[in-house]
Amino acid sequence: MGRNGRQSPARPRIEIAQAAASSEEAAAIAAALEQFLHETTPLEKPKQASISPWLRAGLFEGARLDPADRDPWTASPPGPGAR
């Protein structure tokens, strides 16, 4: 079975099985469903760049920081009254 591009999971195949609708009405319904699916598809989370453990160790060593402490480059700044 082929893949559906970059979409995951695969989108359902939309078809109108009711004979009472004209071909224009069926096309309008299918287009509305396609637009709904497109607009409600969740966005992909951006991938965070991971830092090499060796690079992290070198940065901590160069800045004379303790590697056991929190990461000062990605953590939020301490609030008022913090050490």
C-alpha atoms as a PDB file:
ATOM      1  CA  MET A   1       0.000   0.000   0.000  1.00  0.00           C
ATOM      2  CA  GLY A   2       1.396   3.398  -0.944  1.00  0.00           C
ATOM      3  CA  ARG A   3       1.948   6.258   1.438  1.00  0.00           C
ATOM      4  CA  ASN A   4      -0.034   9.456   1.390  1.00  0.00           C
ATOM      5  CA  GLY A   5       2.822  11.925   1.029  1.00  0.00           C
ATOM      6  CA  ARG A   6       3.865  13.487   4.324  1.00  0.00           C
ATOM      7  CA  GLN A   7       0.403  13.158   5.858  1.00  0.00           C
ATOM      8  CA  SER A   8       0.191  10.847   8.817  1.00  0.00           C
ATOM      9  CA  PRO A   9      -2.175   9.084   9.298  1.00  0.00           C
ATOM     10  CA  ALA A  10      -3.408   8.687   5.759  1.00  0.00           C
ATOM     11  CA  ARG A  11      -6.427  10.820   4.949  1.00  0.00           C
ATOM     12  CA  PRO A  12      -9.664   9.014   4.231  1.00  0.00           C
ATOM     13  CA  ARG A  13     -10.929   8.716   0.696  1.00  0.00           C
ATOM     14  CA  ILE A  14     -14.031  10.881   0.330  1.00  0.00           C
ATOM     15  CA  GLU A  15     -16.797   9.776  -1.961  1.00  0.00           C
ATOM     16  CA  ILE A  16     -20.514  10.471  -2.044  1.00  0.00           C
ATOM     17  CA  ALA A  17     -22.591   7.301  -2.281  1.00  0.00           C
ATOM     18  CA  GLN A  18     -26.014   8.957  -2.368  1.00  0.00           C
ATOM     19  CA  ALA A  19     -27.609   8.963  -5.830  1.00  0.00           C
ATOM     20  CA  ALA A  20     -30.074  11.765  -4.970  1.00  0.00           C
ATOM     21  CA  ALA A  21     -27.367  14.453  -5.084  1.00  0.00           C
ATOM     22  CA  SER A  22     -26.393  15.939  -8.414  1.00  0.00           C
ATOM     23  CA  SER A  23     -22.768  15.724  -9.470  1.00  0.00           C
ATOM     24  CA  GLU A  24     -22.320  19.437  -8.649  1.00  0.00           C
ATOM     25  CA  GLU A  25     -23.791  18.942  -5.164  1.00  0.00           C
ATOM     26  CA  ALA A  26     -21.624  15.886  -4.565  1.00  0.00           C
ATOM     27  CA  ALA A  27     -18.520  17.808  -5.675  1.00  0.00           C
ATOM     28  CA  ALA A  28     -19.427  20.702  -3.370  1.00  0.00           C
ATOM     29  CA  ILE A  29     -19.892  18.345  -0.419  1.00  0.00           C
ATOM     30  CA  ALA A  30     -16.613  16.576  -1.130  1.00  0.00           C
ATOM     31  CA  ALA A  31     -14.809  19.930  -1.454  1.00  0.00           C
ATOM     32  CA  ALA A  32     -16.278  21.140   1.849  1.00  0.00           C
ATOM     33  CA  LEU A  33     -15.145  17.939   3.573  1.00  0.00           C
ATOM     34  CA  GLU A  34     -11.660  18.261   2.085  1.00  0.00           C
ATOM     35  CA  GLN A  35     -11.430  21.868   3.289  1.00  0.00           C
ATOM     36  CA  PHE A  36     -12.624  20.851   6.755  1.00  0.00           C
ATOM     37  CA  LEU A  37     -10.019  18.095   6.977  1.00  0.00           C
ATOM     38  CA  HIS A  38      -7.293  20.475   5.781  1.00  0.00           C
ATOM     39  CA  GLU A  39      -8.236  23.193   8.285  1.00  0.00           C
ATOM     40  CA  THR A  40      -8.553  20.857  11.276  1.00  0.00           C
ATOM     41  CA  THR A  41      -5.410  18.797  10.702  1.00  0.00           C
ATOM     42  CA  PRO A  42      -3.056  19.250  13.672  1.00  0.00           C
ATOM     43  CA  LEU A  43       0.218  20.981  12.879  1.00  0.00           C
ATOM     44  CA  GLU A  44       3.456  19.086  13.250  1.00  0.00           C
ATOM     45  CA  LYS A  45       5.558  20.055  16.227  1.00  0.00           C
ATOM     46  CA  PRO A  46       8.842  21.653  15.219  1.00  0.00           C
ATOM     47  CA  LYS A  47      11.736  19.388  16.048  1.00  0.00           C
ATOM     48  CA  GLN A  48      14.055  20.772  18.672  1.00  0.00           C
ATOM     49  CA  ALA A  49      17.708  20.657  17.869  1.00  0.00           C
ATOM     50  CA  SER A  50      19.433  18.380  20.327  1.00  0.00           C
ATOM     51  CA  ILE A  51      22.832  19.332  21.610  1.00  0.00           C
ATOM     52  CA  SER A  52      25.633  16.807  21.610  1.00  0.00           C
ATOM     53  CA  PRO A  53      26.585  15.643  25.111  1.00  0.00           C
ATOM     54  CA  TRP A  54      30.213  16.418  24.254  1.00  0.00           C
ATOM     55  CA  LEU A  55      29.351  19.941  23.146  1.00  0.00           C
ATOM     56  CA  ARG A  56      27.274  20.469  26.299  1.00  0.00           C
ATOM     57  CA  ALA A  57      30.159  19.283  28.480  1.00  0.00           C
ATOM     58  CA  GLY A  58      32.561  21.590  26.642  1.00  0.00           C
ATOM     59  CA  LEU A  59      30.253  24.577  27.033  1.00  0.00           C
ATOM     60  CA  PHE A  60      29.873  23.931  30.750  1.00  0.00           C
ATOM     61  CA  GLU A  61      33.603  23.475  31.154  1.00  0.00           C
ATOM     62  CA  GLY A  62      34.399  26.627  29.193  1.00  0.00           C
ATOM     63  CA  ALA A  63      31.938  28.658  31.254  1.00  0.00           C
ATOM     64  CA  ARG A  64      33.166  27.019  34.470  1.00  0.00           C
ATOM     65  CA  LEU A  65      29.698  25.755  35.337  1.00  0.00           C
ATOM     66  CA  ASP A  66      28.730  22.545  37.115  1.00  0.00           C
ATOM     67  CA  PRO A  67      27.257  20.081  34.575  1.00  0.00           C
ATOM     68  CA  ALA A  68      24.905  18.787  37.290  1.00  0.00           C
ATOM     69  CA  ASP A  69      23.124  22.165  37.423  1.00  0.00           C
ATOM     70  CA  ARG A  70      20.268  23.116  35.109  1.00  0.00           C
ATOM     71  CA  ASP A  71      21.145  24.149  31.578  1.00  0.00           C
ATOM     72  CA  PRO A  72      21.619  27.951  31.639  1.00  0.00           C
ATOM     73  CA  TRP A  73      21.244  28.251  27.852  1.00  0.00           C
ATOM     74  CA  THR A  74      17.766  26.754  27.564  1.00  0.00           C
ATOM     75  CA  ALA A  75      16.236  27.252  31.004  1.00  0.00           C
ATOM     76  CA  SER A  76      14.216  30.305  31.840  1.00  0.00           C
ATOM     77  CA  PRO A  77      15.968  32.986  33.877  1.00  0.00           C
ATOM     78  CA  PRO A  78      15.509  32.768  37.630  1.00  0.00           C
ATOM     79  CA  GLY A  79      12.816  34.922  39.162  1.00  0.00           C
ATOM     80  CA  PRO A  80      13.334  37.659  41.736  1.00  0.00           C
ATOM     81  CA  GLY A  81      14.828  36.404  44.970  1.00  0.00           C
ATOM     82  CA  ALA A  82      16.503  33.385  43.339  1.00  0.00           C
ATOM     83  CA  ARG A  83      20.102  32.656  44.203  1.00  0.00           C
END
